[in-house]
Amino acid sequence: MDKMTDEQLIDRVRQGHSDAYRVLVEGHKSYIYTLVYRMVGHKETAEDLTQEVFVKLFRSLAHFRGDAKFTTWLYRMTTNLVTDFRRSQKRKPYEALLDKMKGWFTDAREQPEEMAMLKEDQERMQALLSELPDKYRLITQLSHLRKTRIPIWL
């Protein structure tokens, strides 16, 4: 079954062969993960979104008409899903991330998992700050510096 084309695998999936879907996913999961990771830049988010792509693929496979190559259709589905995700993230207020910053300056040396999560939060905050217009980024940084005496750009 590993030598079948995508179209043949799709036909088998439509006939109810779950093993064909597994082969289809295995053949494309590294490409989709890489694509998603390059778009979002965060490992866990990329893993979650890749899984969502394949869930959506399973639900949408009946609608694949074959007008384009399967990989083109899958690529378009993936980019649309990630674009929707990124839009939803932009709608979220920055306050939630600023609240997380309060815990950055506690002693987490004895908790490696906490340190790893703290580093991820800091990287995400830096990424979000870099997306802000300069005047808002400066205001946010100065406000944080005034409150904590510790610059957030360290």
Protein backbone atom coordinates (compact mmCIF):
# COMPACT_ATOMS: atom_id res chain seq x y z
CA MET A 1 0.00 0.00 0.00
CA ASP A 2 3.01 2.29 0.48
CA LYS A 3 3.52 2.42 -3.31
CA MET A 4 0.04 3.75 -4.08
CA THR A 5 -0.50 7.28 -5.36
CA ASP A 6 -2.28 9.85 -3.24
CA GLU A 7 -5.35 9.57 -5.44
CA GLN A 8 -5.44 5.78 -5.03
CA LEU A 9 -5.08 6.15 -1.28
CA ILE A 10 -7.92 8.68 -1.22
CA ASP A 11 -10.14 6.24 -3.10
CA ARG A 12 -9.30 3.54 -0.53
CA VAL A 13 -10.05 5.92 2.35
CA ARG A 14 -13.40 6.74 0.77
CA GLN A 15 -14.10 3.01 0.65
CA GLY A 16 -13.54 2.84 4.41
CA HIS A 17 -9.95 1.55 4.62
CA SER A 18 -8.44 3.33 7.63
CA ASP A 19 -5.00 1.91 6.90
CA ALA A 20 -4.96 3.90 3.66
CA TYR A 21 -5.56 7.10 5.63
CA ARG A 22 -2.66 6.23 7.93
CA VAL A 23 -0.38 5.79 4.90
CA LEU A 24 -1.61 9.09 3.45
CA VAL A 25 -0.87 10.91 6.72
CA GLU A 26 2.54 9.26 7.14
CA GLY A 27 3.47 10.35 3.63
CA HIS A 28 2.69 14.01 4.23
CA LYS A 29 3.03 14.71 7.95
CA SER A 30 6.66 15.86 7.93
CA TYR A 31 6.02 18.23 5.01
CA ILE A 32 2.91 19.67 6.69
CA TYR A 33 4.63 20.01 10.07
CA THR A 34 7.58 21.82 8.46
CA LEU A 35 5.24 24.15 6.59
CA VAL A 36 3.23 24.95 9.71
CA TYR A 37 6.35 25.39 11.85
CA ARG A 38 7.78 27.89 9.38
CA MET A 39 4.54 29.83 9.52
CA VAL A 40 4.11 29.91 13.32
CA GLY A 41 7.67 29.43 14.62
CA HIS A 42 6.65 27.47 17.72
CA LYS A 43 7.09 23.70 18.05
CA GLU A 44 4.05 22.82 20.17
CA THR A 45 1.75 25.12 18.21
CA ALA A 46 3.01 23.58 14.97
CA GLU A 47 2.33 20.09 16.32
CA ASP A 48 -1.19 21.04 17.37
CA LEU A 49 -1.98 22.73 14.07
CA THR A 50 -0.54 19.82 12.09
CA GLN A 51 -2.88 17.51 13.93
CA GLU A 52 -5.78 19.87 13.18
CA VAL A 53 -4.85 19.81 9.50
CA PHE A 54 -5.11 16.04 9.38
CA VAL A 55 -8.40 16.01 11.28
CA LYS A 56 -9.74 18.56 8.82
CA LEU A 57 -8.32 16.51 5.96
CA PHE A 58 -10.16 13.40 7.14
CA ARG A 59 -13.43 15.34 7.35
CA SER A 60 -12.93 17.02 3.98
CA LEU A 61 -11.56 14.12 1.94
CA ALA A 62 -14.97 13.38 0.47
CA HIS A 63 -14.93 16.87 -1.09
CA PHE A 64 -11.61 16.41 -2.88
CA ARG A 65 -12.55 16.53 -6.57
CA GLY A 66 -9.13 16.01 -8.07
CA ASP A 67 -9.14 19.29 -10.02
CA ALA A 68 -5.68 19.99 -8.61
CA LYS A 69 -2.98 17.73 -7.26
CA PHE A 70 -3.72 16.41 -3.79
CA THR A 71 -0.57 18.06 -2.41
CA THR A 72 -1.70 21.44 -3.75
CA TRP A 73 -5.11 20.99 -2.11
CA LEU A 74 -3.51 19.90 1.17
CA TYR A 75 -1.06 22.83 1.07
CA ARG A 76 -3.93 25.28 0.55
CA MET A 77 -5.94 23.70 3.39
CA THR A 78 -2.90 23.97 5.66
CA THR A 79 -2.10 27.59 4.85
CA ASN A 80 -5.76 28.57 5.31
CA LEU A 81 -5.92 26.87 8.69
CA VAL A 82 -2.70 28.52 9.89
CA THR A 83 -3.83 31.90 8.57
CA ASP A 84 -7.10 31.56 10.49
CA PHE A 85 -5.16 30.58 13.62
CA ARG A 86 -2.84 33.59 13.32
CA ARG A 87 -5.81 35.92 12.85
CA SER A 88 -7.44 34.53 15.97
CA GLN A 89 -4.22 35.08 17.94
CA LYS A 90 -4.05 38.72 16.87
CA ARG A 91 -7.51 39.27 18.27
CA LYS A 92 -6.45 38.13 21.72
CA PRO A 93 -5.52 40.95 24.07
CA TYR A 94 -1.91 41.43 25.06
CA GLU A 95 -2.95 41.67 28.71
CA ALA A 96 -2.95 37.90 29.14
CA LEU A 97 0.69 37.74 28.10
CA LEU A 98 1.57 40.73 30.24
CA ASP A 99 0.04 38.90 33.20
CA LYS A 100 2.31 35.96 32.49
CA MET A 101 5.30 38.29 32.60
CA LYS A 102 4.72 38.90 36.31
CA GLY A 103 5.97 35.40 37.09
CA TRP A 104 9.12 35.72 35.00
CA PHE A 105 11.17 37.16 37.80
CA THR A 106 10.53 34.57 40.46
CA ASP A 107 13.08 31.91 41.36
CA ALA A 108 12.30 28.91 39.14
CA ARG A 109 15.76 27.29 39.27
CA GLU A 110 14.45 24.27 41.13
CA GLN A 111 11.72 23.62 38.54
CA PRO A 112 13.16 22.84 35.07
CA GLU A 113 9.72 22.52 33.50
CA GLU A 114 8.77 25.95 34.83
CA MET A 115 12.00 27.37 33.43
CA ALA A 116 11.28 25.90 30.00
CA MET A 117 7.75 27.28 30.02
CA LEU A 118 9.06 30.65 31.19
CA LYS A 119 11.54 30.73 28.31
CA GLU A 120 8.77 29.91 25.81
CA ASP A 121 6.60 32.68 27.25
CA GLN A 122 9.47 35.14 27.03
CA GLU A 123 10.15 34.19 23.41
CA ARG A 124 6.47 34.53 22.55
CA MET A 125 6.31 37.92 24.25
CA GLN A 126 9.35 39.09 22.33
CA ALA A 127 7.76 37.93 19.09
CA LEU A 128 4.52 39.73 19.92
CA LEU A 129 6.37 42.87 20.94
CA SER A 130 8.27 42.84 17.67
CA GLU A 131 4.95 42.87 15.80
CA LEU A 132 3.77 46.01 17.60
CA PRO A 133 4.36 49.39 15.99
CA ASP A 134 7.47 51.06 17.43
CA LYS A 135 5.61 53.59 19.56
CA TYR A 136 3.46 50.93 21.27
CA ARG A 137 6.40 48.60 21.76
CA LEU A 138 8.39 51.41 23.40
CA ILE A 139 5.46 52.35 25.65
CA THR A 140 5.01 48.73 26.73
CA GLN A 141 8.70 48.30 27.44
CA LEU A 142 8.98 51.56 29.38
CA SER A 143 5.86 50.79 31.39
CA HIS A 144 7.20 47.38 32.31
CA LEU A 145 10.61 48.83 33.20
CA ARG A 146 8.99 51.42 35.45
CA LYS A 147 7.02 48.74 37.30
CA THR A 148 9.73 46.11 37.69
CA ARG A 149 13.04 47.91 37.13
CA ILE A 150 13.92 44.94 34.91
CA PRO A 151 13.84 45.52 31.13
CA ILE A 152 11.78 43.02 29.15
CA TRP A 153 14.15 43.09 26.22
CA LEU A 154 16.87 41.25 28.13
